[in-house]
PDB file of N, CA and C in Angstrom:
ATOM      1  N   MET A   1       0.841  -1.177   0.000  1.00  0.00           N
ATOM      2  CA  MET A   1       0.000   0.000   0.000  1.00  0.00           C
ATOM      3  C   MET A   1       0.885   1.237   0.000  1.00  0.00           C
ATOM      4  N   SER A   2       0.573   2.212  -0.819  1.00  0.00           N
ATOM      5  CA  SER A   2       1.391   3.413  -0.897  1.00  0.00           C
ATOM      6  C   SER A   2       1.084   4.339   0.261  1.00  0.00           C
ATOM      7  N   GLU A   3       2.009   5.299   0.468  1.00  0.00           N
ATOM      8  CA  GLU A   3       1.826   6.253   1.555  1.00  0.00           C
ATOM      9  C   GLU A   3       0.721   7.246   1.247  1.00  0.00           C
ATOM     10  N   MET A   4       0.344   7.369  -0.017  1.00  0.00           N
ATOM     11  CA  MET A   4      -0.699   8.303  -0.410  1.00  0.00           C
ATOM     12  C   MET A   4      -1.948   7.525  -0.805  1.00  0.00           C
ATOM     13  N   SER A   5      -3.046   7.896  -0.242  1.00  0.00           N
ATOM     14  CA  SER A   5      -4.309   7.288  -0.589  1.00  0.00           C
ATOM     15  C   SER A   5      -5.324   8.396  -0.798  1.00  0.00           C
ATOM     16  N   ASN A   6      -5.873   8.481  -2.017  1.00  0.00           N
ATOM     17  CA  ASN A   6      -6.819   9.535  -2.355  1.00  0.00           C
ATOM     18  C   ASN A   6      -6.221  10.912  -2.084  1.00  0.00           C
ATOM     19  N   ASN A   7      -4.941  11.099  -2.445  1.00  0.00           N
ATOM     20  CA  ASN A   7      -4.227  12.357  -2.250  1.00  0.00           C
ATOM     21  C   ASN A   7      -4.201  12.786  -0.788  1.00  0.00           C
ATOM     22  N   LYS A   8      -4.135  11.836   0.114  1.00  0.00           N
ATOM     23  CA  LYS A   8      -4.028  12.115   1.544  1.00  0.00           C
ATOM     24  C   LYS A   8      -2.655  11.650   2.011  1.00  0.00           C
ATOM     25  N   PRO A   9      -1.808  12.597   2.446  1.00  0.00           N
ATOM     26  CA  PRO A   9      -0.493  12.172   2.932  1.00  0.00           C
ATOM     27  C   PRO A   9      -0.619  11.323   4.185  1.00  0.00           C
ATOM     28  N   TRP A  10      -0.009  10.176   4.153  1.00  0.00           N
ATOM     29  CA  TRP A  10      -0.009   9.214   5.261  1.00  0.00           C
ATOM     30  C   TRP A  10      -1.431   8.919   5.727  1.00  0.00           C
ATOM     31  N   ASN A  11      -2.377   8.969   4.811  1.00  0.00           N
ATOM     32  CA  ASN A  11      -3.795   8.688   5.084  1.00  0.00           C
ATOM     33  C   ASN A  11      -4.433   9.698   6.033  1.00  0.00           C
ATOM     34  N   LEU A  12      -3.925  10.916   6.056  1.00  0.00           N
ATOM     35  CA  LEU A  12      -4.474  11.993   6.871  1.00  0.00           C
ATOM     36  C   LEU A  12      -4.958  13.117   5.968  1.00  0.00           C
ATOM     37  N   GLU A  13      -5.883  13.904   6.454  1.00  0.00           N
ATOM     38  CA  GLU A  13      -6.275  15.107   5.722  1.00  0.00           C
ATOM     39  C   GLU A  13      -5.054  16.013   5.632  1.00  0.00           C
ATOM     40  N   LEU A  14      -4.965  16.781   4.557  1.00  0.00           N
ATOM     41  CA  LEU A  14      -3.795  17.621   4.318  1.00  0.00           C
ATOM     42  C   LEU A  14      -3.518  18.568   5.486  1.00  0.00           C
ATOM     43  N   ASN A  15      -4.549  19.253   5.964  1.00  0.00           N
ATOM     44  CA  ASN A  15      -4.349  20.199   7.069  1.00  0.00           C
ATOM     45  C   ASN A  15      -3.860  19.486   8.328  1.00  0.00           C
ATOM     46  N   SER A  16      -4.403  18.324   8.596  1.00  0.00           N
ATOM     47  CA  SER A  16      -3.981  17.564   9.777  1.00  0.00           C
ATOM     48  C   SER A  16      -2.533  17.108   9.638  1.00  0.00           C
ATOM     49  N   PHE A  17      -2.159  16.661   8.449  1.00  0.00           N
ATOM     50  CA  PHE A  17      -0.784  16.223   8.218  1.00  0.00           C
ATOM     51  C   PHE A  17       0.194  17.386   8.404  1.00  0.00           C
ATOM     52  N   CYS A  18      -0.150  18.541   7.829  1.00  0.00           N
ATOM     53  CA  CYS A  18       0.731  19.705   7.967  1.00  0.00           C
ATOM     54  C   CYS A  18       0.824  20.149   9.425  1.00  0.00           C
ATOM     55  N   MET A  19      -0.283  20.076  10.150  1.00  0.00           N
ATOM     56  CA  MET A  19      -0.260  20.403  11.566  1.00  0.00           C
ATOM     57  C   MET A  19       0.678  19.457  12.312  1.00  0.00           C
ATOM     58  N   LEU A  20       0.567  18.166  12.032  1.00  0.00           N
ATOM     59  CA  LEU A  20       1.433  17.187  12.694  1.00  0.00           C
ATOM     60  C   LEU A  20       2.896  17.366  12.304  1.00  0.00           C
ATOM     61  N   MET A  21       3.128  17.830  11.079  1.00  0.00           N
ATOM     62  CA  MET A  21       4.497  18.075  10.650  1.00  0.00           C
ATOM     63  C   MET A  21       5.118  19.189  11.518  1.00  0.00           C
ATOM     64  N   HIS A  22       4.343  20.236  11.785  1.00  0.00           N
ATOM     65  CA  HIS A  22       4.832  21.298  12.673  1.00  0.00           C
ATOM     66  C   HIS A  22       5.042  20.745  14.086  1.00  0.00           C
ATOM     67  N   LEU A  23       4.053  20.031  14.595  1.00  0.00           N
ATOM     68  CA  LEU A  23       4.129  19.506  15.966  1.00  0.00           C
ATOM     69  C   LEU A  23       5.218  18.456  16.136  1.00  0.00           C
ATOM     70  N   SER A  24       5.592  17.792  15.040  1.00  0.00           N
ATOM     71  CA  SER A  24       6.617  16.744  15.147  1.00  0.00           C
ATOM     72  C   SER A  24       7.962  17.298  15.608  1.00  0.00           C
ATOM     73  N   GLN A  25       8.150  18.605  15.487  1.00  0.00           N
ATOM     74  CA  GLN A  25       9.377  19.214  15.994  1.00  0.00           C
ATOM     75  C   GLN A  25       9.491  19.046  17.509  1.00  0.00           C
ATOM     76  N   LEU A  26       8.362  18.902  18.171  1.00  0.00           N
ATOM     77  CA  LEU A  26       8.349  18.743  19.622  1.00  0.00           C
ATOM     78  C   LEU A  26       8.649  17.311  20.059  1.00  0.00           C
ATOM     79  N   SER A  27       8.712  16.383  19.108  1.00  0.00           N
ATOM     80  CA  SER A  27       8.978  14.987  19.467  1.00  0.00           C
ATOM     81  C   SER A  27      10.372  14.808  20.056  1.00  0.00           C
ATOM     82  N   GLY A  28      11.235  15.778  19.836  1.00  0.00           N
ATOM     83  CA  GLY A  28      12.570  15.726  20.423  1.00  0.00           C
ATOM     84  C   GLY A  28      12.558  15.829  21.936  1.00  0.00           C
ATOM     85  N   ILE A  29      11.448  16.276  22.496  1.00  0.00           N
ATOM     86  CA  ILE A  29      11.319  16.319  23.951  1.00  0.00           C
ATOM     87  C   ILE A  29      11.326  14.902  24.507  1.00  0.00           C
ATOM     88  N   LEU A  30      10.695  13.973  23.805  1.00  0.00           N
ATOM     89  CA  LEU A  30      10.617  12.580  24.252  1.00  0.00           C
ATOM     90  C   LEU A  30      11.840  11.771  23.842  1.00  0.00           C
ATOM     91  N   ILE A  31      12.245  11.937  22.590  1.00  0.00           N
ATOM     92  CA  ILE A  31      13.392  11.190  22.061  1.00  0.00           C
ATOM     93  C   ILE A  31      14.341  12.193  21.409  1.00  0.00           C
ATOM     94  N   PRO A  32      15.496  12.447  22.031  1.00  0.00           N
ATOM     95  CA  PRO A  32      16.427  13.435  21.483  1.00  0.00           C
ATOM     96  C   PRO A  32      16.764  13.159  20.016  1.00  0.00           C
ATOM     97  N   GLY A  33      16.713  14.202  19.213  1.00  0.00           N
ATOM     98  CA  GLY A  33      17.023  14.095  17.791  1.00  0.00           C
ATOM     99  C   GLY A  33      15.806  13.860  16.919  1.00  0.00           C
ATOM    100  N   LEU A  34      14.774  13.269  17.480  1.00  0.00           N
ATOM    101  CA  LEU A  34      13.587  12.964  16.678  1.00  0.00           C
ATOM    102  C   LEU A  34      12.898  14.238  16.180  1.00  0.00           C
ATOM    103  N   GLY A  35      12.941  15.291  16.972  1.00  0.00           N
ATOM    104  CA  GLY A  35      12.328  16.558  16.571  1.00  0.00           C
ATOM    105  C   GLY A  35      13.014  17.178  15.379  1.00  0.00           C
ATOM    106  N   LEU A  36      14.227  16.782  15.119  1.00  0.00           N
ATOM    107  CA  LEU A  36      14.955  17.258  13.958  1.00  0.00           C
ATOM    108  C   LEU A  36      14.651  16.399  12.729  1.00  0.00           C
ATOM    109  N   PHE A  37      14.569  15.092  12.936  1.00  0.00           N
ATOM    110  CA  PHE A  37      14.418  14.183  11.811  1.00  0.00           C
ATOM    111  C   PHE A  37      12.962  13.944  11.384  1.00  0.00           C
ATOM    112  N   MET A  38      12.048  13.929  12.319  1.00  0.00           N
ATOM    113  CA  MET A  38      10.656  13.591  11.994  1.00  0.00           C
ATOM    114  C   MET A  38      10.021  14.559  10.991  1.00  0.00           C
ATOM    115  N   PRO A  39      10.134  15.888  11.171  1.00  0.00           N
ATOM    116  CA  PRO A  39       9.537  16.767  10.161  1.00  0.00           C
ATOM    117  C   PRO A  39      10.202  16.619   8.792  1.00  0.00           C
ATOM    118  N   ILE A  40      11.505  16.357   8.792  1.00  0.00           N
ATOM    119  CA  ILE A  40      12.205  16.178   7.516  1.00  0.00           C
ATOM    120  C   ILE A  40      11.722  14.912   6.815  1.00  0.00           C
ATOM    121  N   ILE A  41      11.553  13.834   7.568  1.00  0.00           N
ATOM    122  CA  ILE A  41      11.050  12.581   6.991  1.00  0.00           C
ATOM    123  C   ILE A  41       9.628  12.774   6.454  1.00  0.00           C
ATOM    124  N   MET A  42       8.785  13.425   7.245  1.00  0.00           N
ATOM    125  CA  MET A  42       7.404  13.654   6.813  1.00  0.00           C
ATOM    126  C   MET A  42       7.376  14.488   5.535  1.00  0.00           C
ATOM    127  N   TRP A  43       8.195  15.521   5.474  1.00  0.00           N
ATOM    128  CA  TRP A  43       8.234  16.400   4.305  1.00  0.00           C
ATOM    129  C   TRP A  43       8.802  15.663   3.093  1.00  0.00           C
ATOM    130  N   ALA A  44       9.931  14.983   3.281  1.00  0.00           N
ATOM    131  CA  ALA A  44      10.615  14.329   2.157  1.00  0.00           C
ATOM    132  C   ALA A  44       9.784  13.218   1.519  1.00  0.00           C
ATOM    133  N   THR A  45       8.986  12.526   2.319  1.00  0.00           N
ATOM    134  CA  THR A  45       8.213  11.402   1.773  1.00  0.00           C
ATOM    135  C   THR A  45       6.919  11.844   1.092  1.00  0.00           C
ATOM    136  N   THR A  46       6.508  13.100   1.278  1.00  0.00           N
ATOM    137  CA  THR A  46       5.218  13.526   0.710  1.00  0.00           C
ATOM    138  C   THR A  46       5.271  14.818  -0.077  1.00  0.00           C
ATOM    139  N   LYS A  47       6.409  15.484  -0.147  1.00  0.00           N
ATOM    140  CA  LYS A  47       6.477  16.818  -0.752  1.00  0.00           C
ATOM    141  C   LYS A  47       6.077  16.847  -2.223  1.00  0.00           C
ATOM    142  N   ASP A  48       6.327  15.782  -2.958  1.00  0.00           N
ATOM    143  CA  ASP A  48       6.021  15.770  -4.380  1.00  0.00           C
ATOM    144  C   ASP A  48       4.609  15.292  -4.691  1.00  0.00           C
ATOM    145  N   SER A  49       3.968  14.660  -3.741  1.00  0.00           N
ATOM    146  CA  SER A  49       2.671  14.060  -4.049  1.00  0.00           C
ATOM    147  C   SER A  49       1.486  14.719  -3.353  1.00  0.00           C
ATOM    148  N   ALA A  50       1.737  15.657  -2.462  1.00  0.00           N
ATOM    149  CA  ALA A  50       0.625  16.338  -1.788  1.00  0.00           C
ATOM    150  C   ALA A  50       0.878  17.838  -1.825  1.00  0.00           C
ATOM    151  N   LYS A  51      -0.003  18.533  -2.498  1.00  0.00           N
ATOM    152  CA  LYS A  51       0.142  19.983  -2.639  1.00  0.00           C
ATOM    153  C   LYS A  51       0.040  20.648  -1.263  1.00  0.00           C
ATOM    154  N   GLY A  52       0.922  21.568  -0.988  1.00  0.00           N
ATOM    155  CA  GLY A  52       0.915  22.272   0.287  1.00  0.00           C
ATOM    156  C   GLY A  52       1.940  21.738   1.265  1.00  0.00           C
ATOM    157  N   VAL A  53       2.246  20.462   1.179  1.00  0.00           N
ATOM    158  CA  VAL A  53       3.216  19.862   2.097  1.00  0.00           C
ATOM    159  C   VAL A  53       4.598  20.451   1.856  1.00  0.00           C
ATOM    160  N   ASP A  54       4.951  20.662   0.598  1.00  0.00           N
ATOM    161  CA  ASP A  54       6.268  21.206   0.276  1.00  0.00           C
ATOM    162  C   ASP A  54       6.442  22.588   0.897  1.00  0.00           C
ATOM    163  N   GLU A  55       5.428  23.431   0.805  1.00  0.00           N
ATOM    164  CA  GLU A  55       5.521  24.779   1.372  1.00  0.00           C
ATOM    165  C   GLU A  55       5.685  24.727   2.897  1.00  0.00           C
ATOM    166  N   HIS A  56       4.888  23.927   3.572  1.00  0.00           N
ATOM    167  CA  HIS A  56       4.998  23.800   5.025  1.00  0.00           C
ATOM    168  C   HIS A  56       6.352  23.205   5.419  1.00  0.00           C
ATOM    169  N   GLY A  57       6.814  22.230   4.663  1.00  0.00           N
ATOM    170  CA  GLY A  57       8.101  21.616   4.952  1.00  0.00           C
ATOM    171  C   GLY A  57       9.240  22.611   4.853  1.00  0.00           C
ATOM    172  N   LYS A  58       9.210  23.455   3.825  1.00  0.00           N
ATOM    173  CA  LYS A  58      10.257  24.471   3.676  1.00  0.00           C
ATOM    174  C   LYS A  58      10.179  25.512   4.789  1.00  0.00           C
ATOM    175  N   ILE A  59       8.973  25.865   5.188  1.00  0.00           N
ATOM    176  CA  ILE A  59       8.804  26.800   6.305  1.00  0.00           C
ATOM    177  C   ILE A  59       9.429  26.207   7.570  1.00  0.00           C
ATOM    178  N   ILE A  60       9.151  24.938   7.817  1.00  0.00           N
ATOM    179  CA  ILE A  60       9.688  24.261   9.005  1.00  0.00           C
ATOM    180  C   ILE A  60      11.212  24.143   8.926  1.00  0.00           C
ATOM    181  N   LEU A  61      11.737  23.747   7.775  1.00  0.00           N
ATOM    182  CA  LEU A  61      13.195  23.625   7.617  1.00  0.00           C
ATOM    183  C   LEU A  61      13.884  24.972   7.806  1.00  0.00           C
ATOM    184  N   ASN A  62      13.292  26.022   7.240  1.00  0.00           N
ATOM    185  CA  ASN A  62      13.860  27.357   7.424  1.00  0.00           C
ATOM    186  C   ASN A  62      13.924  27.713   8.907  1.00  0.00           C
ATOM    187  N   TRP A  63      12.839  27.414   9.631  1.00  0.00           N
ATOM    188  CA  TRP A  63      12.834  27.744  11.052  1.00  0.00           C
ATOM    189  C   TRP A  63      13.837  26.882  11.826  1.00  0.00           C
ATOM    190  N   MET A  64      13.898  25.604  11.519  1.00  0.00           N
ATOM    191  CA  MET A  64      14.809  24.729  12.261  1.00  0.00           C
ATOM    192  C   MET A  64      16.263  25.168  12.075  1.00  0.00           C
ATOM    193  N   LEU A  65      16.657  25.505  10.857  1.00  0.00           N
ATOM    194  CA  LEU A  65      18.023  25.982  10.610  1.00  0.00           C
ATOM    195  C   LEU A  65      18.260  27.330  11.302  1.00  0.00           C
ATOM    196  N   SER A  66      17.283  28.223  11.193  1.00  0.00           N
ATOM    197  CA  SER A  66      17.389  29.526  11.844  1.00  0.00           C
ATOM    198  C   SER A  66      17.503  29.356  13.352  1.00  0.00           C
ATOM    199  N   PHE A  67      16.692  28.461  13.906  1.00  0.00           N
ATOM    200  CA  PHE A  67      16.693  28.224  15.348  1.00  0.00           C
ATOM    201  C   PHE A  67      18.061  27.752  15.836  1.00  0.00           C
ATOM    202  N   VAL A  68      18.678  26.850  15.103  1.00  0.00           N
ATOM    203  CA  VAL A  68      19.999  26.348  15.496  1.00  0.00           C
ATOM    204  C   VAL A  68      21.020  27.487  15.479  1.00  0.00           C
ATOM    205  N   ILE A  69      20.971  28.314  14.453  1.00  0.00           N
ATOM    206  CA  ILE A  69      21.892  29.451  14.369  1.00  0.00           C
ATOM    207  C   ILE A  69      21.658  30.406  15.536  1.00  0.00           C
ATOM    208  N   TYR A  70      20.390  30.752  15.781  1.00  0.00           N
ATOM    209  CA  TYR A  70      20.062  31.659  16.887  1.00  0.00           C
ATOM    210  C   TYR A  70      20.448  31.049  18.236  1.00  0.00           C
ATOM    211  N   LEU A  71      20.216  29.766  18.386  1.00  0.00           N
ATOM    212  CA  LEU A  71      20.524  29.105  19.656  1.00  0.00           C
ATOM    213  C   LEU A  71      22.025  29.187  19.969  1.00  0.00           C
ATOM    214  N   ILE A  72      22.838  28.912  18.973  1.00  0.00           N
ATOM    215  CA  ILE A  72      24.290  28.983  19.171  1.00  0.00           C
ATOM    216  C   ILE A  72      24.708  30.415  19.504  1.00  0.00           C
ATOM    217  N   ALA A  73      24.204  31.373  18.729  1.00  0.00           N
ATOM    218  CA  ALA A  73      24.587  32.777  18.947  1.00  0.00           C
ATOM    219  C   ALA A  73      24.105  33.282  20.305  1.00  0.00           C
ATOM    220  N   ILE A  74      22.871  32.995  20.641  1.00  0.00           N
ATOM    221  CA  ILE A  74      22.317  33.489  21.912  1.00  0.00           C
ATOM    222  C   ILE A  74      23.003  32.811  23.095  1.00  0.00           C
ATOM    223  N   PHE A  75      23.263  31.519  22.982  1.00  0.00           N
ATOM    224  CA  PHE A  75      23.970  30.834  24.063  1.00  0.00           C
ATOM    225  C   PHE A  75      25.371  31.420  24.237  1.00  0.00           C
ATOM    226  N   TRP A  76      26.035  31.717  23.128  1.00  0.00           N
ATOM    227  CA  TRP A  76      27.384  32.262  23.170  1.00  0.00           C
ATOM    228  C   TRP A  76      27.415  33.627  23.874  1.00  0.00           C
ATOM    229  N   PHE A  77      26.436  34.491  23.521  1.00  0.00           N
ATOM    230  CA  PHE A  77      26.446  35.852  24.053  1.00  0.00           C
ATOM    231  C   PHE A  77      25.688  36.020  25.371  1.00  0.00           C
ATOM    232  N   PHE A  78      24.630  35.248  25.581  1.00  0.00           N
ATOM    233  CA  PHE A  78      23.770  35.465  26.747  1.00  0.00           C
ATOM    234  C   PHE A  78      23.714  34.282  27.706  1.00  0.00           C
ATOM    235  N   GLY A  79      24.283  33.172  27.323  1.00  0.00           N
ATOM    236  CA  GLY A  79      24.328  32.027  28.213  1.00  0.00           C
ATOM    237  C   GLY A  79      23.042  31.226  28.234  1.00  0.00           C
ATOM    238  N   ILE A  80      22.911  30.439  29.276  1.00  0.00           N
ATOM    239  CA  ILE A  80      21.814  29.482  29.383  1.00  0.00           C
ATOM    240  C   ILE A  80      20.456  30.166  29.479  1.00  0.00           C
ATOM    241  N   PHE A  81      20.386  31.325  30.128  1.00  0.00           N
ATOM    242  CA  PHE A  81      19.092  31.990  30.280  1.00  0.00           C
ATOM    243  C   PHE A  81      18.576  32.536  28.944  1.00  0.00           C
ATOM    244  N   GLY A  82      19.484  33.030  28.125  1.00  0.00           N
ATOM    245  CA  GLY A  82      19.088  33.467  26.785  1.00  0.00           C
ATOM    246  C   GLY A  82      18.612  32.294  25.943  1.00  0.00           C
ATOM    247  N   ALA A  83      19.326  31.172  26.042  1.00  0.00           N
ATOM    248  CA  ALA A  83      18.946  29.971  25.289  1.00  0.00           C
ATOM    249  C   ALA A  83      17.584  29.448  25.751  1.00  0.00           C
ATOM    250  N   LEU A  84      17.346  29.490  27.058  1.00  0.00           N
ATOM    251  CA  LEU A  84      16.039  29.047  27.564  1.00  0.00           C
ATOM    252  C   LEU A  84      14.920  29.945  27.062  1.00  0.00           C
ATOM    253  N   GLY A  85      15.185  31.247  26.988  1.00  0.00           N
ATOM    254  CA  GLY A  85      14.198  32.173  26.431  1.00  0.00           C
ATOM    255  C   GLY A  85      13.881  31.839  24.979  1.00  0.00           C
ATOM    256  N   LEU A  86      14.910  31.512  24.208  1.00  0.00           N
ATOM    257  CA  LEU A  86      14.705  31.138  22.811  1.00  0.00           C
ATOM    258  C   LEU A  86      13.913  29.837  22.704  1.00  0.00           C
ATOM    259  N   LEU A  87      14.134  28.911  23.610  1.00  0.00           N
ATOM    260  CA  LEU A  87      13.371  27.656  23.612  1.00  0.00           C
ATOM    261  C   LEU A  87      11.879  27.916  23.833  1.00  0.00           C
ATOM    262  N   VAL A  88      11.559  28.900  24.667  1.00  0.00           N
ATOM    263  CA  VAL A  88      10.152  29.263  24.879  1.00  0.00           C
ATOM    264  C   VAL A  88       9.555  29.809  23.587  1.00  0.00           C
ATOM    265  N   TYR A  89      10.298  30.715  22.916  1.00  0.00           N
ATOM    266  CA  TYR A  89       9.829  31.230  21.629  1.00  0.00           C
ATOM    267  C   TYR A  89       9.638  30.102  20.629  1.00  0.00           C
ATOM    268  N   ASN A  90      10.567  29.166  20.589  1.00  0.00           N
ATOM    269  CA  ASN A  90      10.469  28.029  19.681  1.00  0.00           C
ATOM    270  C   ASN A  90       9.175  27.254  19.918  1.00  0.00           C
ATOM    271  N   PHE A  91       8.886  26.961  21.166  1.00  0.00           N
ATOM    272  CA  PHE A  91       7.670  26.224  21.516  1.00  0.00           C
ATOM    273  C   PHE A  91       6.422  26.994  21.067  1.00  0.00           C
ATOM    274  N   VAL A  92       6.388  28.283  21.345  1.00  0.00           N
ATOM    275  CA  VAL A  92       5.234  29.118  20.962  1.00  0.00           C
ATOM    276  C   VAL A  92       5.087  29.163  19.444  1.00  0.00           C
ATOM    277  N   PHE A  93       6.196  29.359  18.728  1.00  0.00           N
ATOM    278  CA  PHE A  93       6.137  29.413  17.267  1.00  0.00           C
ATOM    279  C   PHE A  93       5.632  28.100  16.674  1.00  0.00           C
ATOM    280  N   ILE A  94       6.069  26.987  17.226  1.00  0.00           N
ATOM    281  CA  ILE A  94       5.634  25.680  16.730  1.00  0.00           C
ATOM    282  C   ILE A  94       4.126  25.511  16.929  1.00  0.00           C
ATOM    283  N   ILE A  95       3.625  25.894  18.092  1.00  0.00           N
ATOM    284  CA  ILE A  95       2.187  25.772  18.364  1.00  0.00           C
ATOM    285  C   ILE A  95       1.385  26.666  17.420  1.00  0.00           C
ATOM    286  N   ILE A  96       1.834  27.912  17.238  1.00  0.00           N
ATOM    287  CA  ILE A  96       1.129  28.818  16.323  1.00  0.00           C
ATOM    288  C   ILE A  96       1.167  28.262  14.904  1.00  0.00           C
ATOM    289  N   GLY A  97       2.314  27.772  14.464  1.00  0.00           N
ATOM    290  CA  GLY A  97       2.431  27.197  13.125  1.00  0.00           C
ATOM    291  C   GLY A  97       1.507  26.008  12.940  1.00  0.00           C
ATOM    292  N   ALA A  98       1.387  25.166  13.965  1.00  0.00           N
ATOM    293  CA  ALA A  98       0.509  23.992  13.889  1.00  0.00           C
ATOM    294  C   ALA A  98      -0.958  24.409  13.818  1.00  0.00           C
ATOM    295  N   VAL A  99      -1.356  25.374  14.623  1.00  0.00           N
ATOM    296  CA  VAL A  99      -2.744  25.846  14.607  1.00  0.00           C
ATOM    297  C   VAL A  99      -3.080  26.455  13.252  1.00  0.00           C
ATOM    298  N   GLN A 100      -2.175  27.256  12.728  1.00  0.00           N
ATOM    299  CA  GLN A 100      -2.406  27.875  11.418  1.00  0.00           C
ATOM    300  C   GLN A 100      -2.458  26.822  10.306  1.00  0.00           C
ATOM    301  N   ALA A 101      -1.583  25.830  10.375  1.00  0.00           N
ATOM    302  CA  ALA A 101      -1.590  24.753   9.372  1.00  0.00           C
ATOM    303  C   ALA A 101      -2.913  23.994   9.416  1.00  0.00           C
ATOM    304  N   ASN A 102      -3.439  23.784  10.596  1.00  0.00           N
ATOM    305  CA  ASN A 102      -4.715  23.088  10.727  1.00  0.00           C
ATOM    306  C   ASN A 102      -5.854  23.903  10.111  1.00  0.00           C
ATOM    307  N   LYS A 103      -5.695  25.226  10.067  1.00  0.00           N
ATOM    308  CA  LYS A 103      -6.676  26.113   9.429  1.00  0.00           C
ATOM    309  C   LYS A 103      -6.449  26.210   7.921  1.00  0.00           C
ATOM    310  N   GLY A 104      -5.357  25.630   7.444  1.00  0.00           N
ATOM    311  CA  GLY A 104      -5.045  25.688   6.017  1.00  0.00           C
ATOM    312  C   GLY A 104      -4.191  26.882   5.637  1.00  0.00           C
ATOM    313  N   VAL A 105      -3.578  27.539   6.611  1.00  0.00           N
ATOM    314  CA  VAL A 105      -2.766  28.729   6.386  1.00  0.00           C
ATOM    315  C   VAL A 105      -1.285  28.369   6.488  1.00  0.00           C
ATOM    316  N   SER A 106      -0.489  28.876   5.556  1.00  0.00           N
ATOM    317  CA  SER A 106       0.972  28.697   5.623  1.00  0.00           C
ATOM    318  C   SER A 106       1.543  29.875   6.386  1.00  0.00           C
ATOM    319  N   TRP A 107       1.838  29.683   7.645  1.00  0.00           N
ATOM    320  CA  TRP A 107       2.343  30.748   8.519  1.00  0.00           C
ATOM    321  C   TRP A 107       3.848  30.642   8.617  1.00  0.00           C
ATOM    322  N   ARG A 108       4.525  31.706   8.272  1.00  0.00           N
ATOM    323  CA  ARG A 108       5.983  31.726   8.348  1.00  0.00           C
ATOM    324  C   ARG A 108       6.411  32.138   9.748  1.00  0.00           C
ATOM    325  N   TYR A 109       7.322  31.387  10.313  1.00  0.00           N
ATOM    326  CA  TYR A 109       7.812  31.662  11.653  1.00  0.00           C
ATOM    327  C   TYR A 109       8.527  33.014  11.658  1.00  0.00           C
ATOM    328  N   PRO A 110       8.228  33.883  12.627  1.00  0.00           N
ATOM    329  CA  PRO A 110       8.939  35.164  12.703  1.00  0.00           C
ATOM    330  C   PRO A 110      10.440  34.928  12.906  1.00  0.00           C
ATOM    331  N   LEU A 111      11.248  35.782  12.356  1.00  0.00           N
ATOM    332  CA  LEU A 111      12.711  35.729  12.460  1.00  0.00           C
ATOM    333  C   LEU A 111      13.328  34.565  11.695  1.00  0.00           C
ATOM    334  N   SER A 112      12.526  33.854  10.910  1.00  0.00           N
ATOM    335  CA  SER A 112      13.025  32.716  10.156  1.00  0.00           C
ATOM    336  C   SER A 112      13.810  33.204   8.935  1.00  0.00           C
ATOM    337  N   ILE A 113      15.002  32.676   8.759  1.00  0.00           N
ATOM    338  CA  ILE A 113      15.844  33.020   7.617  1.00  0.00           C
ATOM    339  C   ILE A 113      15.387  32.171   6.428  1.00  0.00           C
ATOM    340  N   PRO A 114      15.093  32.788   5.280  1.00  0.00           N
ATOM    341  CA  PRO A 114      14.572  32.026   4.128  1.00  0.00           C
ATOM    342  C   PRO A 114      15.670  31.290   3.354  1.00  0.00           C
ATOM    343  N   PHE A 115      16.141  30.177   3.879  1.00  0.00           N
ATOM    344  CA  PHE A 115      17.117  29.355   3.184  1.00  0.00           C
ATOM    345  C   PHE A 115      16.480  28.679   1.974  1.00  0.00           C
ATOM    346  N   PHE A 116      15.257  28.170   2.166  1.00  0.00           N
ATOM    347  CA  PHE A 116      14.500  27.496   1.107  1.00  0.00           C
ATOM    348  C   PHE A 116      13.290  28.367   0.774  1.00  0.00           C
ATOM    349  N   ARG A 117      13.094  28.655  -0.463  1.00  0.00           N
ATOM    350  CA  ARG A 117      11.935  29.474  -0.864  1.00  0.00           C
ATOM    351  C   ARG A 117      10.864  28.564  -1.447  1.00  0.00           C
ATOM    352  N   SER A 118       9.625  28.919  -1.094  1.00  0.00           N
ATOM    353  CA  SER A 118       8.515  28.102  -1.614  1.00  0.00           C
ATOM    354  C   SER A 118       7.815  28.784  -2.763  1.00  0.00           C
TER     355      SER A 118
END
């Protein structure tokens, strides 16, 4: 059985799949590293066959790369408290992105560097 059924990525409605793609970044809380790989796997396996997934995937990748850069810089200059503040922003941005994706809106994370353009 293919991963796409009736143009549904992983047998989910498009909005639900995109929402889960945003939320999958939080899976690293349970299993370290999974929050980095899960959205990439979800995007890579469906980007060509489900319209909208590619745009959300690029938005997420842009934020993840930007977040790593900001995390290193903020930790370097402001220490652990600055990094913890950025982690709070990350959590809030992920939740907002997931809610917007569930509404069918492609919401770009604030401060995200556009490495990949959609």
